[in-house]
Amino acid sequence: MSTAHWQGRRLSIPAAWPVRSSPAARRWAIISAGLAPVLLTGAYLTAGVLQPASYSPVRTTISAMAGQAGTDRWVMTGGILLVGGCYLVTAAGLTGVRASARALLAVAGMAGIGIAASPEPARGATPRHLAWTVLGAVTIAVWPAFAARRASPRPPILSVYGSAAVTAVFVALLGWLLAETRDGSVLGLAERLTSSIQTCWPFIIAVALRRTRRPRPGPVIGGSGGAMDGAAARARARGRRQDR
């Protein structure tokens, strides 16, 4: 067998395995992200019905229903706890965003669990409850900025400008909520609106990422792509001519 023929057979080995793609968001992450706003809204609506007539959802916070003075407080406590767990599951499955974004979402989940584990007393609030609440509110407000993707392909909502715009809206909502804590008349409404909007965003991101598959290259063998395939074909042709 001639040298050219031997080289042609060697080059005929596939240059690389086919490039595979993996989902940027796991299916179970989409489910957990979609459950979070449903659980939160369902919990505060159900718990609100169970409260006495003196309770006002416009003026009083969600935490009051999960506090020690709340009626059937296990409903709201369970809702907050489940939402925190959904954040943790979603953070584990959003493989298409940066590690910092996944870590922040996990911190928000831990903050939710911390809020559920440290209920408000009948009067006032404990430092631990306030610390968990502030941590969760700030983390989920700035989370969209960390979820931005600079590499292609990316959905428009994950562009730098799109993520910055969403973050600005979330920070504005957080500012409104903080302003209402100073004897505001619509504190409960501000908290419910802010929480519901912010809780929906991980689900939107997960759905957008699911439609964007990122390449996962296989092991490279002997070179790269079509150029090597063309060289192999030419070498085989030369080998046949020399053998004749």
Protein backbone atom coordinates (compact mmCIF):
# COMPACT_ATOMS: atom_id res chain seq x y z
CA MET A 1 0.00 0.00 0.00
CA SER A 2 1.44 3.37 -0.97
CA THR A 3 2.09 6.18 1.50
CA ALA A 4 -0.51 8.39 -0.15
CA HIS A 5 -3.09 5.60 0.04
CA TRP A 6 -2.30 5.01 3.71
CA GLN A 7 -2.62 8.75 4.44
CA GLY A 8 -5.93 8.84 2.60
CA ARG A 9 -7.31 6.03 4.73
CA ARG A 10 -6.03 7.72 7.88
CA LEU A 11 -7.64 11.02 6.94
CA SER A 12 -10.91 9.32 6.20
CA ILE A 13 -11.46 8.92 9.95
CA PRO A 14 -14.13 11.43 11.07
CA ALA A 15 -12.52 14.68 12.12
CA ALA A 16 -14.83 15.16 15.06
CA TRP A 17 -17.95 13.84 16.57
CA PRO A 18 -21.09 15.75 15.55
CA VAL A 19 -21.66 18.86 17.63
CA ARG A 20 -24.47 18.23 20.08
CA SER A 21 -26.65 20.79 21.80
CA SER A 22 -27.89 20.90 25.36
CA PRO A 23 -30.84 22.90 26.68
CA ALA A 24 -29.96 26.17 28.38
CA ALA A 25 -32.82 25.55 30.81
CA ARG A 26 -33.89 22.13 32.05
CA ARG A 27 -37.51 21.16 31.69
CA TRP A 28 -37.91 20.76 35.43
CA ALA A 29 -36.44 24.24 35.93
CA ILE A 30 -39.20 25.69 33.75
CA ILE A 31 -41.80 23.84 35.82
CA SER A 32 -40.38 25.09 39.11
CA ALA A 33 -40.06 28.65 37.78
CA GLY A 34 -43.68 28.58 36.60
CA LEU A 35 -44.91 27.23 39.93
CA ALA A 36 -43.31 30.05 41.94
CA PRO A 37 -45.71 32.89 40.96
CA VAL A 38 -48.70 30.52 41.05
CA LEU A 39 -47.85 29.35 44.57
CA LEU A 40 -47.18 32.87 45.83
CA THR A 41 -50.36 34.38 44.39
CA GLY A 42 -52.47 31.41 45.42
CA ALA A 43 -51.07 31.51 48.94
CA TYR A 44 -51.71 35.19 49.64
CA LEU A 45 -55.16 35.09 48.06
CA THR A 46 -56.17 32.01 50.05
CA ALA A 47 -54.62 33.31 53.27
CA GLY A 48 -56.33 36.67 52.76
CA VAL A 49 -59.74 35.00 52.65
CA LEU A 50 -59.01 33.28 55.96
CA GLN A 51 -58.09 36.51 57.78
CA PRO A 52 -60.61 38.42 59.92
CA ALA A 53 -62.63 41.24 58.42
CA SER A 54 -60.27 43.82 59.90
CA TYR A 55 -57.45 42.60 57.67
CA SER A 56 -56.78 44.82 54.64
CA PRO A 57 -54.72 43.35 51.76
CA VAL A 58 -54.11 46.87 50.48
CA ARG A 59 -52.53 48.14 53.69
CA THR A 60 -51.12 45.00 55.39
CA THR A 61 -48.16 42.94 54.21
CA ILE A 62 -48.00 39.30 53.23
CA SER A 63 -45.65 38.63 56.13
CA ALA A 64 -48.40 39.61 58.57
CA MET A 65 -50.49 36.64 57.41
CA ALA A 66 -47.51 34.33 57.99
CA GLY A 67 -46.69 36.02 61.30
CA GLN A 68 -47.64 34.88 64.75
CA ALA A 69 -50.75 37.08 64.73
CA GLY A 70 -52.02 35.69 61.40
CA THR A 71 -55.02 33.39 61.11
CA ASP A 72 -54.14 29.99 59.66
CA ARG A 73 -50.65 31.32 59.12
CA TRP A 74 -49.45 27.95 57.85
CA VAL A 75 -51.04 28.77 54.47
CA MET A 76 -48.88 31.81 53.82
CA THR A 77 -45.85 30.28 55.54
CA GLY A 78 -46.10 27.22 53.33
CA GLY A 79 -46.47 29.38 50.22
CA ILE A 80 -43.33 31.40 51.02
CA LEU A 81 -41.42 28.23 51.81
CA LEU A 82 -42.42 26.57 48.53
CA VAL A 83 -41.53 29.65 46.50
CA GLY A 84 -38.07 29.64 48.07
CA GLY A 85 -37.69 25.98 47.16
CA CYS A 86 -38.77 26.71 43.58
CA TYR A 87 -36.06 29.36 43.32
CA LEU A 88 -33.44 26.83 44.42
CA VAL A 89 -34.60 24.26 41.87
CA THR A 90 -34.76 26.86 39.11
CA ALA A 91 -31.25 28.11 39.91
CA ALA A 92 -29.93 24.56 39.53
CA GLY A 93 -31.58 24.12 36.14
CA LEU A 94 -30.81 27.44 34.45
CA THR A 95 -27.54 26.26 32.94
CA GLY A 96 -27.67 28.90 30.20
CA VAL A 97 -26.97 31.86 32.50
CA ARG A 98 -23.82 32.80 34.35
CA ALA A 99 -22.92 31.16 37.63
CA SER A 100 -23.34 34.50 39.43
CA ALA A 101 -26.98 34.74 38.28
CA ARG A 102 -27.69 31.19 39.42
CA ALA A 103 -26.04 31.92 42.77
CA LEU A 104 -28.14 35.07 43.28
CA LEU A 105 -31.34 33.18 42.50
CA ALA A 106 -30.30 30.52 44.99
CA VAL A 107 -29.68 33.24 47.59
CA ALA A 108 -33.18 34.59 46.92
CA GLY A 109 -34.53 31.09 47.50
CA MET A 110 -32.66 30.77 50.77
CA ALA A 111 -33.99 34.19 51.80
CA GLY A 112 -37.54 32.99 51.17
CA ILE A 113 -36.95 29.94 53.34
CA GLY A 114 -35.43 32.21 56.00
CA ILE A 115 -38.51 34.47 55.94
CA ALA A 116 -40.78 31.47 56.42
CA ALA A 117 -38.62 30.19 59.26
CA SER A 118 -38.60 33.53 61.13
CA PRO A 119 -42.21 34.76 61.30
CA GLU A 120 -43.11 38.22 62.47
CA PRO A 121 -44.18 38.54 66.10
CA ALA A 122 -47.62 39.91 66.98
CA ARG A 123 -46.15 43.41 67.12
CA GLY A 124 -43.19 44.77 65.21
CA ALA A 125 -40.60 42.65 63.42
CA THR A 126 -37.51 40.74 64.48
CA PRO A 127 -34.05 41.69 63.11
CA ARG A 128 -33.72 38.22 61.59
CA HIS A 129 -37.00 38.53 59.72
CA LEU A 130 -36.04 41.97 58.44
CA ALA A 131 -32.61 40.75 57.35
CA TRP A 132 -34.04 37.86 55.34
CA THR A 133 -36.69 40.12 53.82
CA VAL A 134 -34.22 42.79 52.72
CA LEU A 135 -31.81 40.18 51.36
CA GLY A 136 -34.52 38.51 49.30
CA ALA A 137 -35.98 41.78 48.00
CA VAL A 138 -32.63 43.23 46.91
CA THR A 139 -31.36 39.97 45.40
CA ILE A 140 -34.39 39.31 43.21
CA ALA A 141 -34.50 42.98 42.17
CA VAL A 142 -30.95 42.99 40.77
CA TRP A 143 -31.05 39.41 39.48
CA PRO A 144 -32.06 40.28 35.87
CA ALA A 145 -28.85 42.29 35.39
CA PHE A 146 -26.74 39.24 36.26
CA ALA A 147 -28.83 36.99 34.00
CA ALA A 148 -27.88 38.98 30.88
CA ARG A 149 -26.02 37.06 28.16
CA ARG A 150 -23.38 38.67 25.98
CA ALA A 151 -22.60 35.62 23.87
CA SER A 152 -24.77 34.56 20.95
CA PRO A 153 -27.28 33.12 20.50
CA ARG A 154 -29.41 34.89 23.05
CA PRO A 155 -33.06 35.99 23.21
CA PRO A 156 -33.61 39.77 23.12
CA ILE A 157 -34.85 39.89 26.71
CA LEU A 158 -31.47 38.56 27.84
CA SER A 159 -29.47 41.24 26.06
CA VAL A 160 -27.55 43.73 28.17
CA TYR A 161 -29.98 46.55 27.42
CA GLY A 162 -33.07 44.40 27.94
CA SER A 163 -31.79 43.08 31.28
CA ALA A 164 -30.81 46.60 32.37
CA ALA A 165 -34.32 47.86 31.59
CA VAL A 166 -35.95 45.07 33.59
CA THR A 167 -33.58 45.67 36.49
CA ALA A 168 -34.45 49.37 36.46
CA VAL A 169 -38.17 48.53 36.68
CA PHE A 170 -37.55 46.10 39.54
CA VAL A 171 -35.45 48.63 41.45
CA ALA A 172 -38.18 51.25 40.95
CA LEU A 173 -40.77 48.83 42.34
CA LEU A 174 -38.49 48.12 45.28
CA GLY A 175 -38.12 51.84 45.89
CA TRP A 176 -41.90 52.23 45.90
CA LEU A 177 -42.16 49.37 48.39
CA LEU A 178 -39.56 50.92 50.68
CA ALA A 179 -41.35 54.28 50.51
CA GLU A 180 -44.60 52.61 51.56
CA THR A 181 -42.97 51.15 54.66
CA ARG A 182 -42.87 54.71 56.04
CA ASP A 183 -46.52 54.89 57.06
CA GLY A 184 -47.74 54.34 53.50
CA SER A 185 -51.41 53.60 52.88
CA VAL A 186 -50.88 50.93 50.18
CA LEU A 187 -47.99 48.90 51.61
CA GLY A 188 -49.78 45.59 51.10
CA LEU A 189 -50.64 46.42 47.50
CA ALA A 190 -47.08 47.52 46.75
CA GLU A 191 -45.67 44.31 48.23
CA ARG A 192 -48.08 42.06 46.35
CA LEU A 193 -47.57 43.80 43.01
CA THR A 194 -43.78 43.90 43.35
CA SER A 195 -43.50 40.29 44.49
CA SER A 196 -45.82 38.95 41.79
CA ILE A 197 -43.98 40.73 38.97
CA GLN A 198 -40.52 39.79 40.19
CA THR A 199 -41.48 36.17 40.82
CA CYS A 200 -42.65 35.79 37.21
CA TRP A 201 -39.33 36.83 35.70
CA PRO A 202 -37.35 33.60 36.30
CA PHE A 203 -40.11 31.73 34.46
CA ILE A 204 -39.87 34.11 31.49
CA ILE A 205 -36.10 33.68 31.42
CA ALA A 206 -36.38 29.89 31.66
CA VAL A 207 -38.81 29.71 28.73
CA ALA A 208 -36.61 32.00 26.62
CA LEU A 209 -33.53 29.94 27.42
CA ARG A 210 -35.29 26.69 26.64
CA ARG A 211 -35.77 27.88 23.06
CA THR A 212 -32.05 28.70 22.78
CA ARG A 213 -29.90 25.58 22.64
CA ARG A 214 -26.22 26.03 23.26
CA PRO A 215 -23.61 23.91 21.43
CA ARG A 216 -21.84 21.19 23.37
CA PRO A 217 -18.87 20.01 21.28
CA GLY A 218 -17.84 16.39 21.34
CA PRO A 219 -14.23 15.08 21.43
CA VAL A 220 -12.05 16.20 18.54
CA ILE A 221 -10.24 13.47 16.58
CA GLY A 222 -7.62 14.20 14.00
CA GLY A 223 -8.51 17.75 13.04
CA SER A 224 -11.55 19.86 12.34
CA GLY A 225 -14.56 19.87 10.12
CA GLY A 226 -15.06 20.09 6.41
CA ALA A 227 -11.53 21.16 5.48
CA MET A 228 -10.15 17.86 6.79
CA ASP A 229 -12.88 15.93 5.01
CA GLY A 230 -11.91 17.61 1.74
CA ALA A 231 -8.22 16.81 2.31
CA ALA A 232 -9.10 13.18 2.99
CA ALA A 233 -11.06 12.97 -0.25
CA ARG A 234 -8.18 14.44 -2.29
CA ALA A 235 -5.66 12.10 -0.65
CA ARG A 236 -7.83 9.08 -1.44
CA ALA A 237 -8.10 10.17 -5.06
CA ARG A 238 -4.28 10.55 -5.36
CA GLY A 239 -3.82 7.14 -3.73
CA ARG A 240 -6.06 5.48 -6.28
CA ARG A 241 -4.22 7.11 -9.18
CA GLN A 242 -0.81 6.00 -7.86
CA ASP A 243 -2.01 2.44 -7.26
CA ARG A 244 -3.08 2.23 -10.88
